[in-house]
Amino acid sequence: MRSPTTISHRRAPSRPQQHQGGFTLLESLIAIVVFAIAVLGMIGAQASGAQVTSDARYRTEAAAAADELLARMQIAPPATVVADFSTGGALFDLWLKDRVQGDDVGLPAGDATVDFASVAGDPLTVRIVVTWVPPRHRARDGSGAMSAMTETRQHVTVSALFN
């Protein structure tokens, strides 16, 4: 008779269990932080781009206004140009109110000056300075705090008349 044989099953050596649950959570948190920093950077770039676009629009508006005043001077009678278009002259004030300080087309806090003979003493040379203050312009003051900036921007046009 045969003796009962026992069959033993050997188990393969078990590997120690790796606990990766904490590492996965940590990696997820790091990914979220990196993503948040990237999104904040893109928002900052967008805001900076909007400010640059706004500044360019105001510079273009100032240049167009100065060119328009210069064109009005070119077609005016030469004998009355200095009186009518100097700062405070009747046609200068009309242009200033309609073109620079107007509600729909004006520059923020816009102003202008016109000087004749201010360049090399030539009475037929005119200097037009258009100024404005950009709205919501922010900058750091001396202590490092953010504050509203009141820097006045300007566009200067110098031209010879009646040539």
N, C-alpha and C. Protein backbone atom coordinates (compact mmCIF):
# COMPACT_ATOMS: atom_id res chain seq x y z
N MET A 1 0.78 -1.15 0.00
CA MET A 1 0.00 0.00 0.00
C MET A 1 0.84 1.24 0.00
N ARG A 2 0.27 2.02 -0.60
CA ARG A 2 0.99 3.27 -0.73
C ARG A 2 0.63 4.23 0.38
N SER A 3 1.62 4.88 0.78
CA SER A 3 1.32 5.85 1.82
C SER A 3 0.83 7.15 1.19
N PRO A 4 -0.05 7.74 1.84
CA PRO A 4 -0.55 8.97 1.25
C PRO A 4 0.60 9.98 1.13
N THR A 5 0.61 10.55 0.03
CA THR A 5 1.64 11.55 -0.20
C THR A 5 1.04 12.93 -0.02
N THR A 6 1.79 13.68 0.51
CA THR A 6 1.34 15.07 0.67
C THR A 6 2.00 15.92 -0.40
N ILE A 7 1.22 16.66 -0.92
CA ILE A 7 1.73 17.58 -1.95
C ILE A 7 1.84 18.94 -1.29
N SER A 8 3.01 19.40 -1.32
CA SER A 8 3.18 20.73 -0.75
C SER A 8 3.38 21.72 -1.89
N HIS A 9 2.73 22.72 -1.74
CA HIS A 9 2.87 23.80 -2.74
C HIS A 9 3.75 24.88 -2.15
N ARG A 10 4.75 25.11 -2.86
CA ARG A 10 5.63 26.18 -2.39
C ARG A 10 5.19 27.51 -2.98
N ARG A 11 5.15 28.44 -2.20
CA ARG A 11 4.80 29.79 -2.68
C ARG A 11 6.06 30.48 -3.13
N ALA A 12 5.88 31.23 -4.16
CA ALA A 12 7.01 32.02 -4.62
C ALA A 12 7.28 33.08 -3.57
N PRO A 13 8.55 33.45 -3.42
CA PRO A 13 8.84 34.47 -2.41
C PRO A 13 8.05 35.75 -2.72
N SER A 14 7.40 36.24 -1.76
CA SER A 14 6.57 37.44 -1.99
C SER A 14 7.45 38.69 -1.97
N ARG A 15 7.05 39.60 -2.80
CA ARG A 15 7.73 40.89 -2.86
C ARG A 15 7.14 41.79 -1.79
N PRO A 16 7.99 42.58 -1.23
CA PRO A 16 7.41 43.50 -0.25
C PRO A 16 6.48 44.48 -0.98
N GLN A 17 5.36 44.77 -0.37
CA GLN A 17 4.40 45.69 -1.00
C GLN A 17 4.96 47.11 -0.97
N GLN A 18 4.81 47.76 -2.11
CA GLN A 18 5.28 49.13 -2.19
C GLN A 18 4.09 50.05 -1.92
N HIS A 19 4.32 50.97 -1.09
CA HIS A 19 3.25 51.92 -0.75
C HIS A 19 3.45 53.17 -1.60
N GLN A 20 2.71 53.28 -2.69
CA GLN A 20 2.86 54.42 -3.59
C GLN A 20 1.72 55.41 -3.46
N GLY A 21 0.76 55.13 -2.64
CA GLY A 21 -0.37 56.02 -2.50
C GLY A 21 0.04 57.42 -2.11
N GLY A 22 0.94 57.60 -1.20
CA GLY A 22 1.41 58.91 -0.78
C GLY A 22 2.20 59.62 -1.85
N PHE A 23 3.00 58.89 -2.60
CA PHE A 23 3.78 59.50 -3.66
C PHE A 23 2.87 60.00 -4.77
N THR A 24 1.84 59.28 -5.10
CA THR A 24 0.91 59.71 -6.14
C THR A 24 0.20 61.00 -5.72
N LEU A 25 -0.20 61.09 -4.48
CA LEU A 25 -0.84 62.30 -3.99
C LEU A 25 0.13 63.48 -4.03
N LEU A 26 1.36 63.25 -3.63
CA LEU A 26 2.37 64.31 -3.66
C LEU A 26 2.63 64.78 -5.09
N GLU A 27 2.75 63.85 -6.02
CA GLU A 27 2.97 64.22 -7.42
C GLU A 27 1.79 65.01 -7.96
N SER A 28 0.58 64.64 -7.57
CA SER A 28 -0.60 65.38 -8.02
C SER A 28 -0.60 66.81 -7.49
N LEU A 29 -0.25 66.96 -6.23
CA LEU A 29 -0.20 68.30 -5.64
C LEU A 29 0.85 69.17 -6.32
N ILE A 30 2.00 68.60 -6.62
CA ILE A 30 3.06 69.35 -7.31
C ILE A 30 2.59 69.75 -8.71
N ALA A 31 1.91 68.86 -9.40
CA ALA A 31 1.40 69.17 -10.74
C ALA A 31 0.38 70.31 -10.68
N ILE A 32 -0.47 70.29 -9.67
CA ILE A 32 -1.48 71.35 -9.53
C ILE A 32 -0.80 72.69 -9.25
N VAL A 33 0.22 72.70 -8.40
CA VAL A 33 0.94 73.94 -8.09
C VAL A 33 1.63 74.48 -9.34
N VAL A 34 2.29 73.62 -10.11
CA VAL A 34 2.96 74.05 -11.34
C VAL A 34 1.94 74.60 -12.33
N PHE A 35 0.80 73.95 -12.46
CA PHE A 35 -0.25 74.41 -13.36
C PHE A 35 -0.78 75.77 -12.92
N ALA A 36 -0.99 75.96 -11.59
CA ALA A 36 -1.50 77.23 -11.08
C ALA A 36 -0.51 78.36 -11.35
N ILE A 37 0.77 78.09 -11.17
CA ILE A 37 1.78 79.12 -11.44
C ILE A 37 1.78 79.47 -12.93
N ALA A 38 1.63 78.48 -13.79
CA ALA A 38 1.59 78.75 -15.23
C ALA A 38 0.37 79.60 -15.59
N VAL A 39 -0.77 79.29 -15.01
CA VAL A 39 -1.99 80.06 -15.29
C VAL A 39 -1.84 81.50 -14.81
N LEU A 40 -1.26 81.70 -13.62
CA LEU A 40 -1.05 83.06 -13.12
C LEU A 40 -0.08 83.83 -14.02
N GLY A 41 0.93 83.16 -14.52
CA GLY A 41 1.86 83.81 -15.45
C GLY A 41 1.17 84.24 -16.73
N MET A 42 0.28 83.40 -17.24
CA MET A 42 -0.45 83.75 -18.47
C MET A 42 -1.40 84.92 -18.22
N ILE A 43 -2.02 84.96 -17.04
CA ILE A 43 -2.92 86.07 -16.72
C ILE A 43 -2.12 87.37 -16.63
N GLY A 44 -0.94 87.32 -16.01
CA GLY A 44 -0.08 88.51 -15.94
C GLY A 44 0.36 88.98 -17.31
N ALA A 45 0.71 88.04 -18.18
CA ALA A 45 1.12 88.40 -19.54
C ALA A 45 -0.04 89.04 -20.30
N GLN A 46 -1.24 88.52 -20.09
CA GLN A 46 -2.42 89.08 -20.75
C GLN A 46 -2.68 90.51 -20.28
N ALA A 47 -2.56 90.74 -18.99
CA ALA A 47 -2.78 92.09 -18.45
C ALA A 47 -1.72 93.05 -18.97
N SER A 48 -0.49 92.60 -19.03
CA SER A 48 0.58 93.45 -19.55
C SER A 48 0.35 93.76 -21.03
N GLY A 49 -0.09 92.77 -21.78
CA GLY A 49 -0.38 92.98 -23.20
C GLY A 49 -1.51 93.97 -23.41
N ALA A 50 -2.52 93.91 -22.55
CA ALA A 50 -3.64 94.85 -22.66
C ALA A 50 -3.17 96.28 -22.38
N GLN A 51 -2.26 96.44 -21.41
CA GLN A 51 -1.74 97.78 -21.10
C GLN A 51 -0.91 98.32 -22.26
N VAL A 52 -0.10 97.48 -22.88
CA VAL A 52 0.72 97.91 -24.02
C VAL A 52 -0.19 98.32 -25.19
N THR A 53 -1.25 97.55 -25.41
CA THR A 53 -2.19 97.88 -26.48
C THR A 53 -2.88 99.21 -26.21
N SER A 54 -3.25 99.43 -24.95
CA SER A 54 -3.90 100.69 -24.59
C SER A 54 -2.95 101.86 -24.78
N ASP A 55 -1.71 101.72 -24.35
CA ASP A 55 -0.72 102.79 -24.55
C ASP A 55 -0.50 103.09 -26.02
N ALA A 56 -0.44 102.06 -26.85
CA ALA A 56 -0.25 102.26 -28.29
C ALA A 56 -1.44 103.00 -28.90
N ARG A 57 -2.64 102.67 -28.42
CA ARG A 57 -3.84 103.34 -28.95
C ARG A 57 -3.80 104.83 -28.61
N TYR A 58 -3.40 105.17 -27.38
CA TYR A 58 -3.33 106.58 -27.00
C TYR A 58 -2.23 107.32 -27.77
N ARG A 59 -1.10 106.68 -28.00
CA ARG A 59 -0.04 107.32 -28.78
C ARG A 59 -0.52 107.58 -30.21
N THR A 60 -1.22 106.61 -30.78
CA THR A 60 -1.75 106.77 -32.14
C THR A 60 -2.78 107.89 -32.18
N GLU A 61 -3.65 107.95 -31.19
CA GLU A 61 -4.67 109.00 -31.11
C GLU A 61 -4.02 110.38 -31.00
N ALA A 62 -2.97 110.48 -30.18
CA ALA A 62 -2.27 111.77 -30.02
C ALA A 62 -1.60 112.19 -31.32
N ALA A 63 -0.95 111.26 -32.00
CA ALA A 63 -0.29 111.58 -33.27
C ALA A 63 -1.31 112.01 -34.32
N ALA A 64 -2.44 111.32 -34.38
CA ALA A 64 -3.48 111.67 -35.36
C ALA A 64 -4.06 113.06 -35.05
N ALA A 65 -4.26 113.36 -33.77
CA ALA A 65 -4.79 114.68 -33.40
C ALA A 65 -3.81 115.78 -33.77
N ALA A 66 -2.53 115.58 -33.50
CA ALA A 66 -1.52 116.58 -33.87
C ALA A 66 -1.45 116.77 -35.38
N ASP A 67 -1.51 115.68 -36.12
CA ASP A 67 -1.49 115.77 -37.59
C ASP A 67 -2.72 116.50 -38.12
N GLU A 68 -3.84 116.27 -37.48
CA GLU A 68 -5.06 116.97 -37.91
C GLU A 68 -4.94 118.48 -37.67
N LEU A 69 -4.40 118.86 -36.52
CA LEU A 69 -4.21 120.29 -36.25
C LEU A 69 -3.23 120.89 -37.24
N LEU A 70 -2.18 120.18 -37.54
CA LEU A 70 -1.20 120.66 -38.51
C LEU A 70 -1.85 120.84 -39.89
N ALA A 71 -2.71 119.92 -40.27
CA ALA A 71 -3.42 120.05 -41.55
C ALA A 71 -4.33 121.27 -41.56
N ARG A 72 -5.00 121.52 -40.44
CA ARG A 72 -5.85 122.72 -40.35
C ARG A 72 -5.02 123.99 -40.48
N MET A 73 -3.82 123.98 -39.90
CA MET A 73 -2.94 125.15 -40.01
C MET A 73 -2.48 125.35 -41.45
N GLN A 74 -2.21 124.28 -42.15
CA GLN A 74 -1.72 124.36 -43.53
C GLN A 74 -2.76 124.99 -44.46
N ILE A 75 -4.05 124.75 -44.19
CA ILE A 75 -5.07 125.29 -45.10
C ILE A 75 -5.61 126.63 -44.63
N ALA A 76 -5.21 127.10 -43.46
CA ALA A 76 -5.67 128.39 -42.94
C ALA A 76 -4.88 129.52 -43.61
N PRO A 77 -5.43 130.71 -43.64
CA PRO A 77 -4.70 131.85 -44.20
C PRO A 77 -3.43 132.12 -43.38
N PRO A 78 -2.28 132.25 -44.04
CA PRO A 78 -1.01 132.44 -43.32
C PRO A 78 -1.02 133.64 -42.36
N ALA A 79 -1.77 134.66 -42.67
CA ALA A 79 -1.76 135.86 -41.83
C ALA A 79 -2.42 135.62 -40.47
N THR A 80 -3.33 134.64 -40.37
CA THR A 80 -4.05 134.42 -39.11
C THR A 80 -3.65 133.14 -38.37
N VAL A 81 -2.72 132.38 -38.92
CA VAL A 81 -2.37 131.08 -38.32
C VAL A 81 -1.87 131.22 -36.90
N VAL A 82 -0.95 132.14 -36.67
CA VAL A 82 -0.36 132.27 -35.33
C VAL A 82 -1.43 132.70 -34.32
N ALA A 83 -2.25 133.64 -34.66
CA ALA A 83 -3.28 134.12 -33.73
C ALA A 83 -4.35 133.05 -33.47
N ASP A 84 -4.77 132.35 -34.52
CA ASP A 84 -5.86 131.38 -34.39
C ASP A 84 -5.43 130.05 -33.76
N PHE A 85 -4.19 129.63 -34.01
CA PHE A 85 -3.77 128.28 -33.61
C PHE A 85 -2.76 128.24 -32.47
N SER A 86 -2.32 129.38 -31.96
CA SER A 86 -1.46 129.35 -30.78
C SER A 86 -2.29 128.86 -29.60
N THR A 87 -1.61 128.39 -28.56
CA THR A 87 -2.33 127.93 -27.37
C THR A 87 -3.24 129.05 -26.87
N GLY A 88 -4.53 128.76 -26.77
CA GLY A 88 -5.51 129.76 -26.36
C GLY A 88 -6.21 130.44 -27.51
N GLY A 89 -5.74 130.22 -28.75
CA GLY A 89 -6.40 130.81 -29.92
C GLY A 89 -7.76 130.15 -30.15
N ALA A 90 -8.62 130.86 -30.90
CA ALA A 90 -10.00 130.39 -31.10
C ALA A 90 -10.05 129.02 -31.79
N LEU A 91 -9.32 128.86 -32.89
CA LEU A 91 -9.36 127.59 -33.61
C LEU A 91 -8.60 126.48 -32.86
N PHE A 92 -7.58 126.88 -32.11
CA PHE A 92 -6.89 125.90 -31.26
C PHE A 92 -7.84 125.35 -30.19
N ASP A 93 -8.57 126.24 -29.51
CA ASP A 93 -9.50 125.81 -28.46
C ASP A 93 -10.60 124.92 -29.01
N LEU A 94 -11.10 125.25 -30.19
CA LEU A 94 -12.12 124.41 -30.83
C LEU A 94 -11.58 123.01 -31.10
N TRP A 95 -10.38 122.94 -31.69
CA TRP A 95 -9.73 121.64 -31.95
C TRP A 95 -9.49 120.88 -30.65
N LEU A 96 -9.00 121.58 -29.64
CA LEU A 96 -8.69 120.94 -28.36
C LEU A 96 -9.93 120.30 -27.74
N LYS A 97 -11.03 121.02 -27.73
CA LYS A 97 -12.26 120.50 -27.13
C LYS A 97 -12.86 119.36 -27.94
N ASP A 98 -12.82 119.48 -29.26
CA ASP A 98 -13.44 118.46 -30.11
C ASP A 98 -12.57 117.22 -30.30
N ARG A 99 -11.28 117.42 -30.43
CA ARG A 99 -10.40 116.31 -30.86
C ARG A 99 -9.59 115.70 -29.73
N VAL A 100 -9.16 116.47 -28.76
CA VAL A 100 -8.30 115.95 -27.70
C VAL A 100 -9.09 115.66 -26.43
N GLN A 101 -10.02 116.55 -26.09
CA GLN A 101 -10.74 116.40 -24.83
C GLN A 101 -12.18 115.92 -25.01
N GLY A 102 -12.58 115.59 -26.23
CA GLY A 102 -13.93 115.13 -26.47
C GLY A 102 -14.22 113.81 -25.79
N ASP A 103 -15.48 113.58 -25.45
CA ASP A 103 -15.86 112.36 -24.73
C ASP A 103 -15.64 111.10 -25.55
N ASP A 104 -15.98 111.14 -26.82
CA ASP A 104 -15.91 109.93 -27.65
C ASP A 104 -14.54 109.70 -28.29
N VAL A 105 -13.79 110.75 -28.53
CA VAL A 105 -12.54 110.60 -29.26
C VAL A 105 -11.32 111.10 -28.51
N GLY A 106 -11.53 111.60 -27.32
CA GLY A 106 -10.43 112.26 -26.63
C GLY A 106 -9.45 111.32 -25.94
N LEU A 107 -8.41 111.93 -25.44
CA LEU A 107 -7.41 111.24 -24.66
C LEU A 107 -7.72 111.43 -23.18
N PRO A 108 -7.42 110.45 -22.32
CA PRO A 108 -7.70 110.64 -20.90
C PRO A 108 -6.84 111.76 -20.31
N ALA A 109 -7.50 112.72 -19.70
CA ALA A 109 -6.84 113.91 -19.14
C ALA A 109 -5.98 114.58 -20.21
N GLY A 110 -6.51 114.63 -21.44
CA GLY A 110 -5.76 115.17 -22.57
C GLY A 110 -5.62 116.68 -22.54
N ASP A 111 -4.49 117.14 -23.05
CA ASP A 111 -4.23 118.56 -23.17
C ASP A 111 -3.22 118.75 -24.30
N ALA A 112 -3.02 119.98 -24.72
CA ALA A 112 -2.07 120.25 -25.81
C ALA A 112 -1.58 121.68 -25.72
N THR A 113 -0.42 121.90 -26.31
CA THR A 113 0.13 123.25 -26.46
C THR A 113 0.68 123.39 -27.86
N VAL A 114 0.65 124.61 -28.36
CA VAL A 114 1.20 124.92 -29.68
C VAL A 114 2.13 126.11 -29.52
N ASP A 115 3.35 125.97 -30.02
CA ASP A 115 4.32 127.07 -29.97
C ASP A 115 4.84 127.32 -31.38
N PHE A 116 4.83 128.58 -31.76
CA PHE A 116 5.42 128.98 -33.04
C PHE A 116 6.79 129.58 -32.74
N ALA A 117 7.71 129.41 -33.63
CA ALA A 117 9.06 129.97 -33.54
C ALA A 117 9.82 129.46 -32.33
N SER A 118 9.42 128.30 -31.81
CA SER A 118 10.15 127.74 -30.67
C SER A 118 11.30 126.86 -31.13
N VAL A 119 11.39 126.62 -32.43
CA VAL A 119 12.46 125.80 -32.98
C VAL A 119 13.34 126.69 -33.84
N ALA A 120 14.53 126.98 -33.37
CA ALA A 120 15.53 127.78 -34.10
C ALA A 120 15.02 129.17 -34.47
N GLY A 121 14.01 129.67 -33.75
CA GLY A 121 13.53 131.03 -33.99
C GLY A 121 12.82 131.22 -35.32
N ASP A 122 12.44 130.15 -35.98
CA ASP A 122 11.78 130.23 -37.28
C ASP A 122 10.27 130.42 -37.07
N PRO A 123 9.69 131.55 -37.51
CA PRO A 123 8.27 131.79 -37.28
C PRO A 123 7.37 130.85 -38.08
N LEU A 124 7.91 130.16 -39.07
CA LEU A 124 7.10 129.23 -39.85
C LEU A 124 7.25 127.79 -39.36
N THR A 125 7.86 127.62 -38.21
CA THR A 125 7.99 126.29 -37.63
C THR A 125 7.07 126.20 -36.41
N VAL A 126 6.32 125.12 -36.32
CA VAL A 126 5.37 124.95 -35.23
C VAL A 126 5.74 123.69 -34.44
N ARG A 127 5.54 123.78 -33.14
CA ARG A 127 5.76 122.64 -32.25
C ARG A 127 4.46 122.35 -31.52
N ILE A 128 3.90 121.15 -31.74
CA ILE A 128 2.64 120.74 -31.12
C ILE A 128 2.96 119.64 -30.11
N VAL A 129 2.54 119.84 -28.87
CA VAL A 129 2.75 118.85 -27.81
C VAL A 129 1.37 118.42 -27.30
N VAL A 130 1.06 117.14 -27.49
CA VAL A 130 -0.20 116.57 -26.99
C VAL A 130 0.14 115.70 -25.79
N THR A 131 -0.54 115.93 -24.66
CA THR A 131 -0.26 115.18 -23.44
C THR A 131 -1.52 114.45 -22.97
N TRP A 132 -1.32 113.35 -22.21
CA TRP A 132 -2.41 112.59 -21.62
C TRP A 132 -1.86 111.78 -20.45
N VAL A 133 -2.78 111.32 -19.59
CA VAL A 133 -2.43 110.46 -18.46
C VAL A 133 -3.19 109.15 -18.64
N PRO A 134 -2.49 108.04 -18.83
CA PRO A 134 -3.19 106.76 -19.03
C PRO A 134 -4.00 106.39 -17.78
N PRO A 135 -5.23 105.90 -17.98
CA PRO A 135 -6.04 105.51 -16.83
C PRO A 135 -5.54 104.19 -16.23
N ARG A 136 -5.76 104.01 -14.95
CA ARG A 136 -5.43 102.77 -14.24
C ARG A 136 -4.01 102.31 -14.46
N HIS A 137 -3.11 103.25 -14.60
CA HIS A 137 -1.69 102.90 -14.78
C HIS A 137 -1.11 102.69 -13.39
N ARG A 138 -0.55 101.52 -13.14
CA ARG A 138 -0.05 101.18 -11.81
C ARG A 138 1.47 101.05 -11.83
N ALA A 139 2.10 101.41 -10.74
CA ALA A 139 3.55 101.29 -10.63
C ALA A 139 3.93 101.16 -9.16
N ARG A 140 5.15 100.73 -8.92
CA ARG A 140 5.64 100.62 -7.54
C ARG A 140 6.26 101.95 -7.12
N ASP A 141 5.89 102.40 -5.94
CA ASP A 141 6.48 103.64 -5.44
C ASP A 141 7.81 103.33 -4.74
N GLY A 142 8.41 104.31 -4.11
CA GLY A 142 9.72 104.15 -3.47
C GLY A 142 9.76 103.08 -2.40
N SER A 143 8.64 102.84 -1.72
CA SER A 143 8.61 101.83 -0.66
C SER A 143 8.31 100.44 -1.19
N GLY A 144 8.03 100.33 -2.49
CA GLY A 144 7.72 99.03 -3.09
C GLY A 144 6.24 98.73 -3.17
N ALA A 145 5.39 99.61 -2.63
CA ALA A 145 3.94 99.39 -2.67
C ALA A 145 3.39 99.81 -4.02
N MET A 146 2.34 99.11 -4.45
CA MET A 146 1.70 99.46 -5.72
C MET A 146 0.82 100.69 -5.50
N SER A 147 0.90 101.64 -6.41
CA SER A 147 0.08 102.84 -6.32
C SER A 147 -0.26 103.31 -7.73
N ALA A 148 -1.27 104.16 -7.79
CA ALA A 148 -1.67 104.71 -9.09
C ALA A 148 -0.56 105.63 -9.59
N MET A 149 -0.25 105.49 -10.85
CA MET A 149 0.82 106.27 -11.44
C MET A 149 0.23 107.47 -12.16
N THR A 150 0.77 108.63 -11.97
CA THR A 150 0.25 109.83 -12.61
C THR A 150 1.26 110.37 -13.61
N GLU A 151 1.98 109.50 -14.23
CA GLU A 151 2.97 109.93 -15.22
C GLU A 151 2.26 110.43 -16.47
N THR A 152 2.59 111.62 -16.87
CA THR A 152 2.00 112.20 -18.06
C THR A 152 2.78 111.75 -19.28
N ARG A 153 2.06 111.27 -20.28
CA ARG A 153 2.68 110.87 -21.54
C ARG A 153 2.51 112.00 -22.53
N GLN A 154 3.39 112.07 -23.53
CA GLN A 154 3.27 113.15 -24.51
C GLN A 154 3.72 112.69 -25.89
N HIS A 155 3.15 113.36 -26.87
CA HIS A 155 3.56 113.20 -28.26
C HIS A 155 3.92 114.59 -28.77
N VAL A 156 5.10 114.70 -29.38
CA VAL A 156 5.58 116.00 -29.88
C VAL A 156 5.70 115.92 -31.39
N THR A 157 5.12 116.91 -32.06
CA THR A 157 5.24 117.05 -33.51
C THR A 157 5.86 118.39 -33.81
N VAL A 158 6.91 118.41 -34.62
CA VAL A 158 7.54 119.66 -35.06
C VAL A 158 7.48 119.66 -36.58
N SER A 159 7.00 120.77 -37.14
CA SER A 159 6.87 120.82 -38.60
C SER A 159 7.04 122.25 -39.11
N ALA A 160 7.46 122.35 -40.34
CA ALA A 160 7.53 123.64 -41.01
C ALA A 160 6.21 123.89 -41.73
N LEU A 161 5.71 125.10 -41.63
CA LEU A 161 4.46 125.47 -42.28
C LEU A 161 4.71 126.13 -43.63
N PHE A 162 3.79 125.96 -44.53
CA PHE A 162 3.76 126.65 -45.80
C PHE A 162 4.99 126.43 -46.68
N ASN A 163 5.48 125.23 -46.70
CA ASN A 163 6.61 124.91 -47.60
C ASN A 163 6.11 124.18 -48.81
